[in-house]
């Protein structure tokens, strides 16, 4: 009965936007916010909708590679905010997308998978 899967890509900025990123954070929050209602709309016709929200992902020639080279103090500050002590790898984000697109996860509908090395984990007292 399945007819496909849609996997949206957002960002942890949807939950934890930084200074100067209001519009970026709002747009990613919109993607996360639309996931559940669209999933409810399309589930009846056999289409699953989910979202992946990655944290910082390191590419040698990408933005973080340039920041590491030009402003190492900024790079180190971001790196220090990630509990596992490193940025994500592109293949780790891709694995989350592939998982949600796979028929094996046919019961996973309307959710958001955060892959950020624990960046957005909050301790509550």
Protein backbone atom coordinates (compact mmCIF):
# COMPACT_ATOMS: atom_id res chain seq x y z
CA UNK A 1 0.00 0.00 0.00
CA UNK A 2 2.97 2.37 0.09
CA UNK A 3 3.38 4.89 -2.70
CA UNK A 4 6.57 6.57 -1.61
CA UNK A 5 8.36 8.67 0.94
CA UNK A 6 9.27 12.33 1.22
CA UNK A 7 12.26 13.24 3.38
CA UNK A 8 12.62 16.95 4.06
CA UNK A 9 15.97 18.42 5.10
CA UNK A 10 16.00 21.10 7.81
CA UNK A 11 18.64 21.97 10.42
CA UNK A 12 19.12 22.04 14.17
CA UNK A 13 18.84 25.81 13.71
CA UNK A 14 15.08 25.12 13.72
CA UNK A 15 15.40 24.49 17.48
CA UNK A 16 18.51 26.42 18.47
CA UNK A 17 19.06 29.38 16.17
CA UNK A 18 22.13 31.53 16.60
CA UNK A 19 22.66 35.29 16.62
CA UNK A 20 22.14 36.71 13.14
CA UNK A 21 20.31 33.63 11.89
CA UNK A 22 16.68 34.58 12.52
CA UNK A 23 15.50 34.10 8.93
CA UNK A 24 17.47 30.86 8.47
CA UNK A 25 16.19 29.50 11.77
CA UNK A 26 12.61 30.48 10.95
CA UNK A 27 12.76 28.81 7.54
CA UNK A 28 14.11 25.57 9.03
CA UNK A 29 11.50 25.74 11.77
CA UNK A 30 8.88 26.03 9.03
CA UNK A 31 10.14 22.85 7.38
CA UNK A 32 9.97 20.97 10.68
CA UNK A 33 6.55 22.47 11.46
CA UNK A 34 5.02 21.47 8.14
CA UNK A 35 6.21 17.87 8.36
CA UNK A 36 3.49 16.50 10.63
CA UNK A 37 0.46 18.12 8.95
CA UNK A 38 1.69 17.14 5.49
CA UNK A 39 2.39 13.63 6.78
CA UNK A 40 -1.17 13.42 8.05
CA UNK A 41 -2.52 14.65 4.71
CA UNK A 42 -0.49 12.22 2.59
CA UNK A 43 -0.58 9.13 4.83
CA UNK A 44 -4.06 8.31 3.56
CA UNK A 45 -2.68 7.90 0.03
CA UNK A 46 0.34 5.86 1.12
CA UNK A 47 3.03 8.56 1.15
CA UNK A 48 5.20 8.93 4.25
CA UNK A 49 6.70 12.33 5.16
CA UNK A 50 9.57 12.84 7.62
CA UNK A 51 12.39 15.34 8.18
CA UNK A 52 16.11 15.17 9.01
CA UNK A 53 17.68 18.05 10.96
CA UNK A 54 21.48 17.85 10.96
CA UNK A 55 23.88 19.87 13.03
CA UNK A 56 27.17 21.19 11.65
CA UNK A 57 28.57 18.94 8.94
CA UNK A 58 32.22 19.20 7.98
CA UNK A 59 33.42 19.39 4.38
CA UNK A 60 37.09 20.26 3.87
CA UNK A 61 36.18 22.74 1.11
CA UNK A 62 32.84 23.79 2.58
CA UNK A 63 31.89 26.63 4.93
CA UNK A 64 33.23 24.94 8.08
CA UNK A 65 36.49 24.10 6.29
CA UNK A 66 36.87 27.76 5.37
CA UNK A 67 36.00 28.90 8.91
CA UNK A 68 38.51 26.42 10.36
CA UNK A 69 41.21 27.85 8.09
CA UNK A 70 40.33 31.54 8.50
CA UNK A 71 38.78 31.82 11.97
CA UNK A 72 39.90 28.82 13.99
CA UNK A 73 38.54 30.31 17.24
CA UNK A 74 34.98 30.26 15.80
CA UNK A 75 35.43 26.71 14.54
CA UNK A 76 36.74 25.56 17.95
CA UNK A 77 33.84 27.25 19.77
CA UNK A 78 31.28 25.39 17.63
CA UNK A 79 33.22 22.16 17.98
CA UNK A 80 33.20 22.63 21.76
CA UNK A 81 29.39 22.76 21.73
CA UNK A 82 29.10 19.25 20.24
CA UNK A 83 29.14 16.59 22.98
CA UNK A 84 30.77 13.91 20.82
CA UNK A 85 33.62 16.33 20.04
CA UNK A 86 33.40 16.43 16.25
CA UNK A 87 31.21 17.68 13.44
CA UNK A 88 29.05 15.38 11.41
CA UNK A 89 30.09 13.60 8.26
CA UNK A 90 28.02 13.92 5.07
CA UNK A 91 27.54 10.16 4.98
CA UNK A 92 26.01 10.22 8.48
CA UNK A 93 23.31 12.65 7.37
CA UNK A 94 22.81 10.66 4.18
CA UNK A 95 22.31 7.49 6.24
CA UNK A 96 19.45 9.14 8.16
CA UNK A 97 17.83 10.23 4.90
CA UNK A 98 18.20 6.78 3.35
CA UNK A 99 16.77 5.17 6.48
CA UNK A 100 13.65 7.36 6.37
CA UNK A 101 13.23 6.82 2.62
CA UNK A 102 13.49 3.05 3.02
CA UNK A 103 10.36 0.89 3.11
CA UNK A 104 11.83 -0.75 6.23
CA UNK A 105 10.79 2.35 8.20
CA UNK A 106 7.24 2.26 6.83
CA UNK A 107 5.78 2.83 10.28
CA UNK A 108 7.80 6.05 10.82
CA UNK A 109 5.60 8.93 9.72
CA UNK A 110 5.62 12.65 10.54
CA UNK A 111 8.77 12.66 12.60
CA UNK A 112 11.99 14.66 12.69
CA UNK A 113 15.33 12.91 13.10
CA UNK A 114 18.01 15.12 14.62
CA UNK A 115 21.58 14.08 13.84
CA UNK A 116 23.78 16.62 15.59
CA UNK A 117 26.20 14.75 17.83
CA UNK A 118 24.08 15.69 20.85
CA UNK A 119 24.27 19.46 20.25
CA UNK A 120 20.63 20.08 21.03
CA UNK A 121 20.41 17.70 23.98
CA UNK A 122 19.28 19.60 27.03
CA UNK A 123 19.83 18.57 30.62
CA UNK A 124 16.87 19.35 32.85
CA UNK A 125 17.19 19.67 36.60
